[in-house]
Amino acid sequence: MFPSRALRTLTRLSPLRSRSASLGLAVLAPASLLVSLCFAGSAQAALISTGACSDASLSQPFLQWGDTSSYELVPGGDFEGSLSGWSLSGGAQPLAGGEPYEPVGSARSLALPAGASAQSPFVCVNASYPSFRFFARDRGLTSTVLVQVVYATALGQVALPLGVVALSGAWEPTLPMLTGSLAGGLLSGGTAQLALRFTALGGSSDIDDVYVDPRMK
C-alpha cells in the first residue's frame, strides 16, 4: 500500500534553493521513530559508532549545487557495470545515457517504467551516514518516485517510506534525504545494513548515480 496523502505530498525539484524544504527531510521524524521502535529490543546500551564503516572512496558529486559534503557511491549506483546485488522488478533495467554533469557524468542510468522497482545492495551504515542523494528525471507529467530505506534486522527486512519525489524532465540532483541511520546505529556494534528502494509511480522515471553521505560535513 502506498503512503498516505500527507506522506505523498510532492516535492518539486528546482534549482531555486528557496524551495529547500525536502520531502525527505520533512518525514525524518516519523521514519526515525519507526526505526527506533524496530531496533529498540537490540539496542541494549550499544555505543553509537560515528566512524566510516566502509573503506569506499569518497567524492563531492554535488559540489556545483553548493553541497560540499563528501559522498560514497552505493555499490553499482552509477549503473555503468554489473548490477550484482541490485534487485530489479517490473521492467526496471539499465538505459543508455545518464546524467550529464561534471565531474560525475555517466553513460548509463536505470530506467523505471511505471510500477517498476529497484533496490540497491545493502551497505553498512551508522550514525555518521545520515543522508543520501541521487540524480533523476521523469518521463511524464504524472511521474514520481517513491523512495524507501530498507533495514536488515533479525526479523527480516523493514522498509520505511521516506516520501514521494516529483521530478522534472531534465536530469537534476534530488535534495538530501535522510536515512534514519542515527537510530539504526543503535544496533549492537553500532552499525546496521541499509538498502535504498526506488519505485516509479504514475509514469516512467530514470535514476542515476546514487550516493550516501557518510559524514555530512
N, C-alpha and C. Protein backbone atom coordinates (compact mmCIF):
# COMPACT_ATOMS: atom_id res chain seq x y z
N MET A 1 0.86 -1.20 0.00
CA MET A 1 0.00 0.00 0.00
C MET A 1 0.88 1.23 0.00
N PHE A 2 0.51 2.24 -0.77
CA PHE A 2 1.31 3.44 -0.86
C PHE A 2 1.09 4.32 0.36
N PRO A 3 2.00 5.27 0.60
CA PRO A 3 1.88 6.15 1.77
C PRO A 3 0.61 6.97 1.73
N SER A 4 0.25 7.52 2.89
CA SER A 4 -0.92 8.37 2.99
C SER A 4 -0.76 9.62 2.16
N ARG A 5 -1.87 10.36 1.99
CA ARG A 5 -1.83 11.60 1.20
C ARG A 5 -0.82 12.57 1.79
N ALA A 6 -0.74 12.62 3.13
CA ALA A 6 0.21 13.55 3.75
C ALA A 6 1.64 13.16 3.38
N LEU A 7 1.94 11.86 3.43
CA LEU A 7 3.29 11.43 3.12
C LEU A 7 3.61 11.58 1.66
N ARG A 8 2.57 11.52 0.80
CA ARG A 8 2.80 11.58 -0.63
C ARG A 8 2.82 13.00 -1.16
N THR A 9 2.82 13.97 -0.27
CA THR A 9 2.96 15.36 -0.71
C THR A 9 4.21 15.49 -1.54
N LEU A 10 4.10 16.02 -2.74
CA LEU A 10 5.21 16.02 -3.67
C LEU A 10 6.17 17.16 -3.40
N THR A 11 7.45 16.88 -3.62
CA THR A 11 8.48 17.90 -3.55
C THR A 11 8.98 18.12 -4.97
N ARG A 12 8.68 19.24 -5.56
CA ARG A 12 9.13 19.55 -6.91
C ARG A 12 10.58 19.98 -6.90
N LEU A 13 11.43 19.23 -7.57
CA LEU A 13 12.84 19.58 -7.62
C LEU A 13 13.01 20.85 -8.41
N SER A 14 13.84 21.75 -7.91
CA SER A 14 14.03 23.03 -8.56
C SER A 14 15.40 23.56 -8.24
N PRO A 15 16.04 24.26 -9.20
CA PRO A 15 17.34 24.86 -8.90
C PRO A 15 17.22 26.02 -7.92
N LEU A 16 16.03 26.50 -7.64
CA LEU A 16 15.83 27.60 -6.70
C LEU A 16 15.95 27.06 -5.29
N ARG A 17 17.00 27.43 -4.60
CA ARG A 17 17.23 26.88 -3.28
C ARG A 17 16.28 27.46 -2.24
N SER A 18 15.48 28.46 -2.63
CA SER A 18 14.48 28.95 -1.69
C SER A 18 13.45 27.89 -1.40
N ARG A 19 13.40 26.87 -2.28
CA ARG A 19 12.46 25.77 -2.08
C ARG A 19 13.20 24.57 -1.51
N SER A 20 13.95 24.78 -0.46
CA SER A 20 14.84 23.75 0.05
C SER A 20 14.18 22.82 1.06
N ALA A 21 12.87 22.91 1.23
CA ALA A 21 12.19 22.04 2.19
C ALA A 21 11.97 20.68 1.55
N SER A 22 12.93 19.79 1.63
CA SER A 22 12.85 18.47 1.01
C SER A 22 11.81 17.61 1.71
N LEU A 23 11.08 16.84 0.90
CA LEU A 23 10.12 15.91 1.49
C LEU A 23 10.85 14.88 2.32
N GLY A 24 12.04 14.47 1.85
CA GLY A 24 12.81 13.51 2.64
C GLY A 24 13.11 14.05 4.01
N LEU A 25 13.44 15.35 4.11
CA LEU A 25 13.71 15.96 5.40
C LEU A 25 12.43 16.05 6.21
N ALA A 26 11.32 16.32 5.55
CA ALA A 26 10.06 16.54 6.25
C ALA A 26 9.58 15.30 6.96
N VAL A 27 9.92 14.11 6.45
CA VAL A 27 9.41 12.89 7.06
C VAL A 27 10.45 12.24 7.95
N LEU A 28 11.51 12.98 8.32
CA LEU A 28 12.55 12.42 9.18
C LEU A 28 11.98 11.92 10.49
N ALA A 29 11.16 12.73 11.16
CA ALA A 29 10.70 12.37 12.50
C ALA A 29 9.96 11.04 12.53
N PRO A 30 8.91 10.84 11.68
CA PRO A 30 8.22 9.55 11.75
C PRO A 30 9.09 8.39 11.33
N ALA A 31 9.97 8.58 10.35
CA ALA A 31 10.83 7.49 9.91
C ALA A 31 11.79 7.10 11.01
N SER A 32 12.41 8.09 11.64
CA SER A 32 13.37 7.81 12.71
C SER A 32 12.68 7.13 13.89
N LEU A 33 11.46 7.59 14.19
CA LEU A 33 10.71 6.99 15.29
C LEU A 33 10.44 5.52 15.01
N LEU A 34 10.04 5.22 13.75
CA LEU A 34 9.73 3.84 13.42
C LEU A 34 10.97 2.97 13.46
N VAL A 35 12.10 3.51 12.97
CA VAL A 35 13.35 2.76 13.05
C VAL A 35 13.69 2.48 14.51
N SER A 36 13.53 3.50 15.37
CA SER A 36 13.83 3.34 16.79
C SER A 36 13.01 2.22 17.39
N LEU A 37 11.73 2.18 17.05
CA LEU A 37 10.86 1.14 17.57
C LEU A 37 11.29 -0.23 17.10
N CYS A 38 11.72 -0.32 15.81
CA CYS A 38 12.12 -1.60 15.25
C CYS A 38 13.36 -2.15 15.93
N PHE A 39 14.26 -1.24 16.32
CA PHE A 39 15.54 -1.68 16.84
C PHE A 39 15.65 -1.56 18.36
N ALA A 40 14.59 -1.15 19.03
CA ALA A 40 14.68 -0.90 20.46
C ALA A 40 15.12 -2.13 21.22
N GLY A 41 14.63 -3.30 20.79
CA GLY A 41 14.95 -4.52 21.51
C GLY A 41 16.41 -4.91 21.42
N SER A 42 17.12 -4.46 20.40
CA SER A 42 18.50 -4.88 20.23
C SER A 42 19.49 -3.77 20.54
N ALA A 43 19.01 -2.62 20.96
CA ALA A 43 19.93 -1.51 21.24
C ALA A 43 20.81 -1.84 22.43
N GLN A 44 20.21 -2.15 23.58
CA GLN A 44 20.88 -2.61 24.78
C GLN A 44 22.20 -1.89 25.06
N ALA A 45 22.09 -0.58 25.21
CA ALA A 45 23.24 0.24 25.61
C ALA A 45 24.41 0.17 24.65
N ALA A 46 24.16 -0.16 23.38
CA ALA A 46 25.25 -0.22 22.40
C ALA A 46 25.80 1.18 22.16
N LEU A 47 27.09 1.26 21.94
CA LEU A 47 27.71 2.53 21.62
C LEU A 47 27.38 2.89 20.18
N ILE A 48 27.18 4.18 19.91
CA ILE A 48 26.91 4.64 18.55
C ILE A 48 28.24 4.92 17.86
N SER A 49 28.51 4.17 16.80
CA SER A 49 29.75 4.38 16.05
C SER A 49 29.56 5.51 15.06
N THR A 50 30.52 6.43 15.02
CA THR A 50 30.42 7.55 14.08
C THR A 50 31.54 7.53 13.06
N GLY A 51 32.41 6.56 13.09
CA GLY A 51 33.45 6.45 12.09
C GLY A 51 32.92 5.78 10.85
N ALA A 52 33.62 5.99 9.72
CA ALA A 52 33.20 5.35 8.48
C ALA A 52 33.24 3.84 8.65
N CYS A 53 32.17 3.13 8.25
CA CYS A 53 32.14 1.68 8.43
C CYS A 53 32.43 0.96 7.13
N SER A 54 32.98 1.65 6.14
CA SER A 54 33.50 1.01 4.93
C SER A 54 34.69 1.82 4.45
N ASP A 55 35.47 1.21 3.56
CA ASP A 55 36.66 1.90 3.06
C ASP A 55 36.45 2.41 1.63
N ALA A 56 35.19 2.62 1.24
CA ALA A 56 34.88 3.10 -0.10
C ALA A 56 35.44 4.51 -0.30
N SER A 57 35.84 4.81 -1.52
CA SER A 57 36.37 6.14 -1.82
C SER A 57 35.25 7.17 -1.78
N LEU A 58 35.61 8.41 -1.47
CA LEU A 58 34.64 9.50 -1.35
C LEU A 58 34.87 10.54 -2.43
N SER A 59 33.82 11.25 -2.79
CA SER A 59 33.91 12.33 -3.77
C SER A 59 32.89 13.40 -3.42
N GLN A 60 32.89 14.48 -4.19
CA GLN A 60 31.93 15.58 -3.98
C GLN A 60 31.10 15.78 -5.25
N PRO A 61 30.20 14.87 -5.56
CA PRO A 61 29.45 14.92 -6.82
C PRO A 61 28.45 16.05 -6.91
N PHE A 62 28.09 16.67 -5.77
CA PHE A 62 27.07 17.71 -5.78
C PHE A 62 27.66 19.09 -5.46
N LEU A 63 28.95 19.22 -5.65
CA LEU A 63 29.63 20.46 -5.29
C LEU A 63 29.09 21.66 -6.06
N GLN A 64 28.77 21.47 -7.35
CA GLN A 64 28.30 22.61 -8.14
C GLN A 64 26.90 23.06 -7.74
N TRP A 65 26.24 22.30 -6.89
CA TRP A 65 24.93 22.72 -6.36
C TRP A 65 25.08 23.23 -4.91
N GLY A 66 26.31 23.54 -4.52
CA GLY A 66 26.55 24.11 -3.20
C GLY A 66 26.68 23.09 -2.08
N ASP A 67 26.69 21.80 -2.40
CA ASP A 67 26.80 20.75 -1.39
C ASP A 67 28.27 20.32 -1.31
N THR A 68 28.95 20.72 -0.23
CA THR A 68 30.37 20.41 -0.09
C THR A 68 30.63 19.08 0.62
N SER A 69 29.59 18.33 0.94
CA SER A 69 29.77 17.05 1.62
C SER A 69 30.46 16.04 0.71
N SER A 70 31.20 15.14 1.34
CA SER A 70 31.83 14.03 0.62
C SER A 70 30.88 12.83 0.66
N TYR A 71 30.70 12.18 -0.49
CA TYR A 71 29.74 11.09 -0.61
C TYR A 71 30.41 9.79 -1.05
N GLU A 72 29.76 8.70 -0.69
CA GLU A 72 30.17 7.35 -1.10
C GLU A 72 29.15 6.81 -2.11
N LEU A 73 29.63 6.32 -3.24
CA LEU A 73 28.73 5.74 -4.24
C LEU A 73 28.20 4.41 -3.73
N VAL A 74 26.88 4.24 -3.78
CA VAL A 74 26.28 2.95 -3.44
C VAL A 74 26.79 1.92 -4.44
N PRO A 75 27.10 0.68 -4.02
CA PRO A 75 27.61 -0.32 -4.96
C PRO A 75 26.73 -0.44 -6.21
N GLY A 76 27.34 -0.25 -7.37
CA GLY A 76 26.59 -0.31 -8.62
C GLY A 76 25.70 0.88 -8.86
N GLY A 77 25.81 1.90 -8.00
CA GLY A 77 24.89 3.03 -8.07
C GLY A 77 25.08 3.96 -9.23
N ASP A 78 26.15 3.76 -10.04
CA ASP A 78 26.30 4.55 -11.26
C ASP A 78 25.76 3.81 -12.47
N PHE A 79 25.39 2.52 -12.28
CA PHE A 79 24.76 1.69 -13.32
C PHE A 79 25.64 1.52 -14.56
N GLU A 80 26.94 1.72 -14.38
CA GLU A 80 27.86 1.60 -15.51
C GLU A 80 28.30 0.15 -15.76
N GLY A 81 28.36 -0.64 -14.71
CA GLY A 81 28.84 -2.01 -14.85
C GLY A 81 27.82 -3.01 -14.33
N SER A 82 28.32 -4.00 -13.60
CA SER A 82 27.46 -5.04 -13.07
C SER A 82 26.48 -4.48 -12.04
N LEU A 83 25.26 -4.98 -12.09
CA LEU A 83 24.25 -4.60 -11.11
C LEU A 83 24.06 -5.72 -10.09
N SER A 84 25.13 -6.47 -9.87
CA SER A 84 25.09 -7.53 -8.88
C SER A 84 24.71 -6.96 -7.52
N GLY A 85 23.74 -7.58 -6.89
CA GLY A 85 23.27 -7.11 -5.60
C GLY A 85 22.04 -6.23 -5.69
N TRP A 86 21.78 -5.66 -6.87
CA TRP A 86 20.56 -4.88 -7.07
C TRP A 86 19.39 -5.83 -7.34
N SER A 87 18.23 -5.50 -6.82
CA SER A 87 17.01 -6.26 -7.09
C SER A 87 16.11 -5.41 -7.98
N LEU A 88 15.85 -5.88 -9.20
CA LEU A 88 15.05 -5.15 -10.17
C LEU A 88 13.75 -5.89 -10.44
N SER A 89 12.65 -5.17 -10.54
CA SER A 89 11.36 -5.78 -10.84
C SER A 89 10.51 -4.83 -11.68
N GLY A 90 9.49 -5.39 -12.33
CA GLY A 90 8.54 -4.57 -13.08
C GLY A 90 9.11 -3.93 -14.33
N GLY A 91 10.21 -4.46 -14.86
CA GLY A 91 10.78 -3.91 -16.08
C GLY A 91 11.90 -2.92 -15.87
N ALA A 92 12.34 -2.73 -14.62
CA ALA A 92 13.47 -1.85 -14.36
C ALA A 92 14.71 -2.42 -15.04
N GLN A 93 15.46 -1.58 -15.77
CA GLN A 93 16.62 -2.08 -16.50
C GLN A 93 17.58 -0.93 -16.83
N PRO A 94 18.87 -1.25 -17.08
CA PRO A 94 19.83 -0.22 -17.46
C PRO A 94 19.40 0.46 -18.76
N LEU A 95 19.75 1.74 -18.86
CA LEU A 95 19.36 2.56 -20.00
C LEU A 95 20.58 3.30 -20.52
N ALA A 96 20.77 3.33 -21.84
CA ALA A 96 21.87 4.09 -22.42
C ALA A 96 21.65 5.57 -22.18
N GLY A 97 22.69 6.26 -21.71
CA GLY A 97 22.58 7.68 -21.40
C GLY A 97 22.30 7.90 -19.93
N GLY A 98 22.95 8.91 -19.35
CA GLY A 98 22.75 9.19 -17.94
C GLY A 98 22.89 10.68 -17.67
N GLU A 99 22.96 11.04 -16.39
CA GLU A 99 23.08 12.46 -16.04
C GLU A 99 24.37 13.02 -16.63
N PRO A 100 24.34 14.25 -17.16
CA PRO A 100 25.45 14.77 -17.95
C PRO A 100 26.45 15.63 -17.19
N TYR A 101 26.25 15.81 -15.90
CA TYR A 101 27.03 16.82 -15.18
C TYR A 101 28.45 16.35 -14.86
N GLU A 102 29.37 17.28 -14.91
CA GLU A 102 30.75 17.02 -14.49
C GLU A 102 30.85 17.23 -12.97
N PRO A 103 31.74 16.51 -12.28
CA PRO A 103 32.69 15.56 -12.83
C PRO A 103 32.16 14.14 -12.88
N VAL A 104 30.91 13.91 -12.46
CA VAL A 104 30.39 12.54 -12.41
C VAL A 104 30.04 12.05 -13.81
N GLY A 105 28.99 12.63 -14.41
CA GLY A 105 28.60 12.24 -15.77
C GLY A 105 28.63 10.74 -16.00
N SER A 106 27.70 10.19 -16.70
CA SER A 106 27.69 8.74 -16.90
C SER A 106 27.07 8.37 -18.23
N ALA A 107 27.41 7.17 -18.68
CA ALA A 107 26.93 6.68 -19.97
C ALA A 107 25.67 5.84 -19.83
N ARG A 108 25.35 5.44 -18.59
CA ARG A 108 24.15 4.63 -18.38
C ARG A 108 23.42 5.11 -17.13
N SER A 109 22.14 4.81 -17.09
CA SER A 109 21.31 5.10 -15.93
C SER A 109 20.37 3.91 -15.75
N LEU A 110 19.39 4.06 -14.87
CA LEU A 110 18.43 2.98 -14.64
C LEU A 110 17.03 3.48 -14.98
N ALA A 111 16.38 2.80 -15.91
CA ALA A 111 15.02 3.15 -16.31
C ALA A 111 14.02 2.44 -15.41
N LEU A 112 13.04 3.21 -14.92
CA LEU A 112 11.98 2.67 -14.08
C LEU A 112 10.63 2.92 -14.76
N PRO A 113 10.11 1.97 -15.53
CA PRO A 113 8.76 2.13 -16.07
C PRO A 113 7.74 2.22 -14.94
N ALA A 114 6.56 2.73 -15.22
CA ALA A 114 5.53 2.87 -14.19
C ALA A 114 5.33 1.54 -13.47
N GLY A 115 5.41 1.56 -12.17
CA GLY A 115 5.23 0.37 -11.35
C GLY A 115 6.50 -0.42 -11.09
N ALA A 116 7.58 -0.08 -11.80
CA ALA A 116 8.85 -0.80 -11.63
C ALA A 116 9.52 -0.39 -10.34
N SER A 117 10.37 -1.28 -9.84
CA SER A 117 11.05 -1.02 -8.58
C SER A 117 12.49 -1.50 -8.66
N ALA A 118 13.39 -0.80 -7.96
CA ALA A 118 14.79 -1.19 -7.88
C ALA A 118 15.27 -1.01 -6.45
N GLN A 119 15.96 -2.03 -5.93
CA GLN A 119 16.50 -1.94 -4.58
C GLN A 119 18.00 -2.16 -4.65
N SER A 120 18.75 -1.27 -4.00
CA SER A 120 20.20 -1.33 -4.01
C SER A 120 20.70 -2.47 -3.15
N PRO A 121 21.98 -2.83 -3.29
CA PRO A 121 22.58 -3.77 -2.34
C PRO A 121 22.59 -3.15 -0.94
N PHE A 122 22.68 -3.98 0.08
CA PHE A 122 22.79 -3.47 1.44
C PHE A 122 24.20 -2.92 1.66
N VAL A 123 24.26 -1.80 2.36
CA VAL A 123 25.54 -1.18 2.69
C VAL A 123 25.59 -0.94 4.19
N CYS A 124 26.79 -0.87 4.72
CA CYS A 124 26.98 -0.61 6.14
C CYS A 124 26.69 0.86 6.44
N VAL A 125 25.87 1.12 7.45
CA VAL A 125 25.60 2.49 7.88
C VAL A 125 25.69 2.55 9.40
N ASN A 126 25.95 3.75 9.89
CA ASN A 126 25.92 4.00 11.33
C ASN A 126 25.49 5.44 11.52
N ALA A 127 25.76 5.99 12.68
CA ALA A 127 25.28 7.34 12.97
C ALA A 127 25.89 8.40 12.07
N SER A 128 26.97 8.06 11.37
CA SER A 128 27.63 9.06 10.53
C SER A 128 27.16 9.00 9.07
N TYR A 129 26.13 8.22 8.78
CA TYR A 129 25.59 8.11 7.42
C TYR A 129 24.15 8.64 7.41
N PRO A 130 23.94 9.94 7.56
CA PRO A 130 22.58 10.43 7.79
C PRO A 130 21.76 10.70 6.54
N SER A 131 22.38 10.79 5.36
CA SER A 131 21.58 11.21 4.20
C SER A 131 22.09 10.59 2.91
N PHE A 132 21.28 10.71 1.86
CA PHE A 132 21.69 10.25 0.53
C PHE A 132 21.08 11.17 -0.52
N ARG A 133 21.66 11.14 -1.70
CA ARG A 133 21.16 11.91 -2.84
C ARG A 133 21.36 11.10 -4.10
N PHE A 134 20.60 11.44 -5.13
CA PHE A 134 20.79 10.79 -6.42
C PHE A 134 20.31 11.74 -7.51
N PHE A 135 20.59 11.40 -8.75
CA PHE A 135 20.11 12.16 -9.89
C PHE A 135 18.87 11.47 -10.46
N ALA A 136 17.94 12.25 -11.00
CA ALA A 136 16.71 11.66 -11.52
C ALA A 136 16.07 12.57 -12.55
N ARG A 137 15.19 11.99 -13.34
CA ARG A 137 14.35 12.75 -14.28
C ARG A 137 13.07 11.96 -14.50
N ASP A 138 12.01 12.65 -14.91
CA ASP A 138 10.76 11.96 -15.19
C ASP A 138 10.56 11.84 -16.70
N ARG A 139 9.55 11.05 -17.07
CA ARG A 139 9.20 10.89 -18.49
C ARG A 139 7.73 11.18 -18.72
N GLY A 140 7.12 11.89 -17.80
CA GLY A 140 5.71 12.23 -17.94
C GLY A 140 5.29 13.20 -16.86
N LEU A 141 4.19 13.90 -17.08
CA LEU A 141 3.74 14.92 -16.13
C LEU A 141 3.36 14.33 -14.78
N THR A 142 2.94 13.09 -14.76
CA THR A 142 2.50 12.48 -13.51
C THR A 142 3.55 11.56 -12.89
N SER A 143 4.74 11.53 -13.47
CA SER A 143 5.78 10.61 -12.99
C SER A 143 6.33 11.05 -11.63
N THR A 144 6.40 10.14 -10.70
CA THR A 144 7.00 10.36 -9.39
C THR A 144 7.75 9.10 -8.98
N VAL A 145 8.61 9.23 -7.99
CA VAL A 145 9.36 8.08 -7.49
C VAL A 145 9.16 7.98 -5.98
N LEU A 146 8.66 6.84 -5.54
CA LEU A 146 8.55 6.54 -4.11
C LEU A 146 9.92 6.08 -3.63
N VAL A 147 10.43 6.72 -2.58
CA VAL A 147 11.75 6.40 -2.04
C VAL A 147 11.59 5.77 -0.66
N GLN A 148 12.23 4.63 -0.45
CA GLN A 148 12.19 3.94 0.83
C GLN A 148 13.60 3.56 1.27
N VAL A 149 13.82 3.52 2.58
CA VAL A 149 15.03 2.91 3.12
C VAL A 149 14.63 1.55 3.68
N VAL A 150 15.50 0.56 3.48
CA VAL A 150 15.21 -0.80 3.91
C VAL A 150 16.32 -1.23 4.85
N TYR A 151 15.96 -1.58 6.08
CA TYR A 151 16.93 -2.05 7.06
C TYR A 151 16.82 -3.57 7.20
N ALA A 152 17.98 -4.23 7.29
CA ALA A 152 18.01 -5.66 7.55
C ALA A 152 18.05 -5.86 9.06
N THR A 153 17.08 -6.60 9.58
CA THR A 153 17.01 -6.85 11.02
C THR A 153 16.92 -8.35 11.26
N ALA A 154 16.99 -8.75 12.51
CA ALA A 154 16.88 -10.16 12.85
C ALA A 154 15.52 -10.72 12.48
N LEU A 155 14.53 -9.84 12.33
CA LEU A 155 13.17 -10.27 11.97
C LEU A 155 12.91 -10.17 10.48
N GLY A 156 13.93 -9.80 9.71
CA GLY A 156 13.75 -9.64 8.26
C GLY A 156 13.93 -8.19 7.85
N GLN A 157 13.59 -7.89 6.61
CA GLN A 157 13.75 -6.54 6.08
C GLN A 157 12.60 -5.64 6.52
N VAL A 158 12.95 -4.43 6.94
CA VAL A 158 11.97 -3.43 7.35
C VAL A 158 12.09 -2.24 6.42
N ALA A 159 11.05 -1.98 5.62
CA ALA A 159 11.07 -0.87 4.66
C ALA A 159 10.33 0.33 5.23
N LEU A 160 10.98 1.49 5.20
CA LEU A 160 10.40 2.71 5.73
C LEU A 160 10.25 3.72 4.60
N PRO A 161 9.04 4.17 4.28
CA PRO A 161 8.85 5.16 3.22
C PRO A 161 9.34 6.53 3.65
N LEU A 162 10.17 7.15 2.81
CA LEU A 162 10.66 8.50 3.10
C LEU A 162 9.80 9.56 2.44
N GLY A 163 9.16 9.22 1.34
CA GLY A 163 8.33 10.19 0.64
C GLY A 163 8.30 9.93 -0.84
N VAL A 164 7.56 10.75 -1.55
CA VAL A 164 7.44 10.65 -3.00
C VAL A 164 8.08 11.88 -3.61
N VAL A 165 9.01 11.68 -4.52
CA VAL A 165 9.74 12.77 -5.16
C VAL A 165 9.16 13.04 -6.54
N ALA A 166 8.75 14.27 -6.78
CA ALA A 166 8.30 14.70 -8.10
C ALA A 166 9.50 15.26 -8.85
N LEU A 167 9.71 14.82 -10.06
CA LEU A 167 10.90 15.16 -10.81
C LEU A 167 10.59 16.13 -11.93
N SER A 168 11.64 16.57 -12.63
CA SER A 168 11.46 17.37 -13.85
C SER A 168 11.88 16.53 -15.04
N GLY A 169 11.68 17.03 -16.23
CA GLY A 169 12.02 16.28 -17.43
C GLY A 169 13.50 16.26 -17.75
N ALA A 170 14.29 17.08 -17.04
CA ALA A 170 15.73 17.12 -17.23
C ALA A 170 16.42 16.51 -16.01
N TRP A 171 17.62 15.99 -16.23
CA TRP A 171 18.37 15.41 -15.12
C TRP A 171 18.66 16.48 -14.07
N GLU A 172 18.35 16.17 -12.81
CA GLU A 172 18.64 17.06 -11.69
C GLU A 172 18.99 16.22 -10.47
N PRO A 173 19.80 16.76 -9.56
CA PRO A 173 20.03 16.06 -8.30
C PRO A 173 18.85 16.27 -7.36
N THR A 174 18.51 15.25 -6.62
CA THR A 174 17.50 15.42 -5.59
C THR A 174 18.10 16.20 -4.43
N LEU A 175 17.26 16.72 -3.57
CA LEU A 175 17.74 17.28 -2.32
C LEU A 175 18.13 16.12 -1.39
N PRO A 176 18.94 16.37 -0.36
CA PRO A 176 19.30 15.29 0.56
C PRO A 176 18.07 14.67 1.21
N MET A 177 18.08 13.35 1.31
CA MET A 177 17.02 12.62 2.01
C MET A 177 17.66 11.84 3.14
N LEU A 178 16.95 11.72 4.25
CA LEU A 178 17.53 11.16 5.47
C LEU A 178 17.33 9.66 5.56
N THR A 179 18.38 8.96 6.03
CA THR A 179 18.34 7.50 6.11
C THR A 179 17.81 6.98 7.44
N GLY A 180 17.76 7.83 8.47
CA GLY A 180 17.40 7.34 9.79
C GLY A 180 18.52 6.53 10.42
N SER A 181 19.76 6.71 9.94
CA SER A 181 20.87 5.88 10.38
C SER A 181 21.26 6.12 11.83
N LEU A 182 20.89 7.28 12.40
CA LEU A 182 21.20 7.52 13.80
C LEU A 182 20.52 6.47 14.67
N ALA A 183 19.25 6.21 14.36
CA ALA A 183 18.54 5.16 15.10
C ALA A 183 19.09 3.79 14.74
N GLY A 184 19.40 3.59 13.43
CA GLY A 184 19.98 2.31 13.00
C GLY A 184 21.30 2.04 13.67
N GLY A 185 22.06 3.10 13.98
CA GLY A 185 23.35 2.94 14.62
C GLY A 185 23.26 2.46 16.05
N LEU A 186 22.06 2.44 16.63
CA LEU A 186 21.89 1.94 17.99
C LEU A 186 21.94 0.41 18.05
N LEU A 187 22.02 -0.24 16.88
CA LEU A 187 22.14 -1.69 16.87
C LEU A 187 23.41 -2.13 17.58
N SER A 188 23.40 -3.31 18.10
CA SER A 188 24.58 -3.84 18.75
C SER A 188 25.77 -3.75 17.81
N GLY A 189 26.86 -3.19 18.28
CA GLY A 189 28.03 -2.99 17.45
C GLY A 189 28.03 -1.63 16.79
N GLY A 190 26.93 -0.91 16.87
CA GLY A 190 26.87 0.45 16.37
C GLY A 190 26.61 0.60 14.89
N THR A 191 26.37 -0.49 14.16
CA THR A 191 26.15 -0.39 12.72
C THR A 191 24.90 -1.16 12.30
N ALA A 192 24.44 -0.88 11.10
CA ALA A 192 23.28 -1.57 10.55
C ALA A 192 23.50 -1.76 9.06
N GLN A 193 22.67 -2.58 8.44
CA GLN A 193 22.71 -2.80 7.00
C GLN A 193 21.50 -2.14 6.37
N LEU A 194 21.75 -1.25 5.41
CA LEU A 194 20.69 -0.46 4.81
C LEU A 194 20.72 -0.57 3.29
N ALA A 195 19.54 -0.64 2.67
CA ALA A 195 19.40 -0.59 1.22
C ALA A 195 18.43 0.53 0.87
N LEU A 196 18.48 1.00 -0.35
CA LEU A 196 17.57 2.03 -0.84
C LEU A 196 16.67 1.43 -1.91
N ARG A 197 15.38 1.74 -1.84
CA ARG A 197 14.41 1.20 -2.79
C ARG A 197 13.72 2.35 -3.51
N PHE A 198 13.63 2.24 -4.83
CA PHE A 198 13.01 3.27 -5.66
C PHE A 198 11.89 2.62 -6.48
N THR A 199 10.71 3.20 -6.43
CA THR A 199 9.56 2.67 -7.16
C THR A 199 8.91 3.78 -7.97
N ALA A 200 8.72 3.54 -9.27
CA ALA A 200 8.11 4.55 -10.16
C ALA A 200 6.60 4.52 -10.00
N LEU A 201 6.01 5.68 -9.74
CA LEU A 201 4.56 5.81 -9.60
C LEU A 201 4.02 6.76 -10.67
N GLY A 202 2.89 6.44 -11.22
CA GLY A 202 2.21 7.37 -12.13
C GLY A 202 2.76 7.42 -13.53
N GLY A 203 4.01 7.07 -13.73
CA GLY A 203 4.64 7.13 -15.03
C GLY A 203 6.08 6.68 -14.92
N SER A 204 6.80 6.75 -16.02
CA SER A 204 8.18 6.27 -16.05
C SER A 204 9.15 7.35 -15.57
N SER A 205 10.21 6.92 -14.91
CA SER A 205 11.26 7.81 -14.44
C SER A 205 12.61 7.12 -14.59
N ASP A 206 13.68 7.90 -14.55
CA ASP A 206 15.03 7.36 -14.61
C ASP A 206 15.81 7.87 -13.40
N ILE A 207 16.71 7.02 -12.87
CA ILE A 207 17.57 7.44 -11.77
C ILE A 207 19.02 7.15 -12.14
N ASP A 208 19.94 7.85 -11.48
CA ASP A 208 21.36 7.66 -11.79
C ASP A 208 22.20 8.11 -10.60
N ASP A 209 23.39 7.55 -10.49
CA ASP A 209 24.41 7.97 -9.52
C ASP A 209 23.84 8.18 -8.12
N VAL A 210 23.63 7.07 -7.42
CA VAL A 210 23.05 7.08 -6.08
C VAL A 210 24.19 7.13 -5.05
N TYR A 211 24.19 8.15 -4.21
CA TYR A 211 25.27 8.38 -3.25
C TYR A 211 24.74 8.46 -1.83
N VAL A 212 25.54 7.93 -0.88
CA VAL A 212 25.27 8.07 0.55
C VAL A 212 26.32 8.98 1.14
N ASP A 213 25.89 9.91 1.98
CA ASP A 213 26.80 10.85 2.64
C ASP A 213 27.25 10.25 3.98
N PRO A 214 28.52 9.86 4.09
CA PRO A 214 28.96 9.21 5.33
C PRO A 214 29.34 10.17 6.44
N ARG A 215 29.47 11.45 6.14
CA ARG A 215 29.95 12.36 7.18
C ARG A 215 29.12 13.64 7.30
N MET A 216 28.42 14.04 6.28
CA MET A 216 27.57 15.23 6.32
C MET A 216 28.35 16.43 6.84
N LYS A 217 29.52 16.72 6.23
CA LYS A 217 30.35 17.83 6.69
C LYS A 217 29.65 19.15 6.47
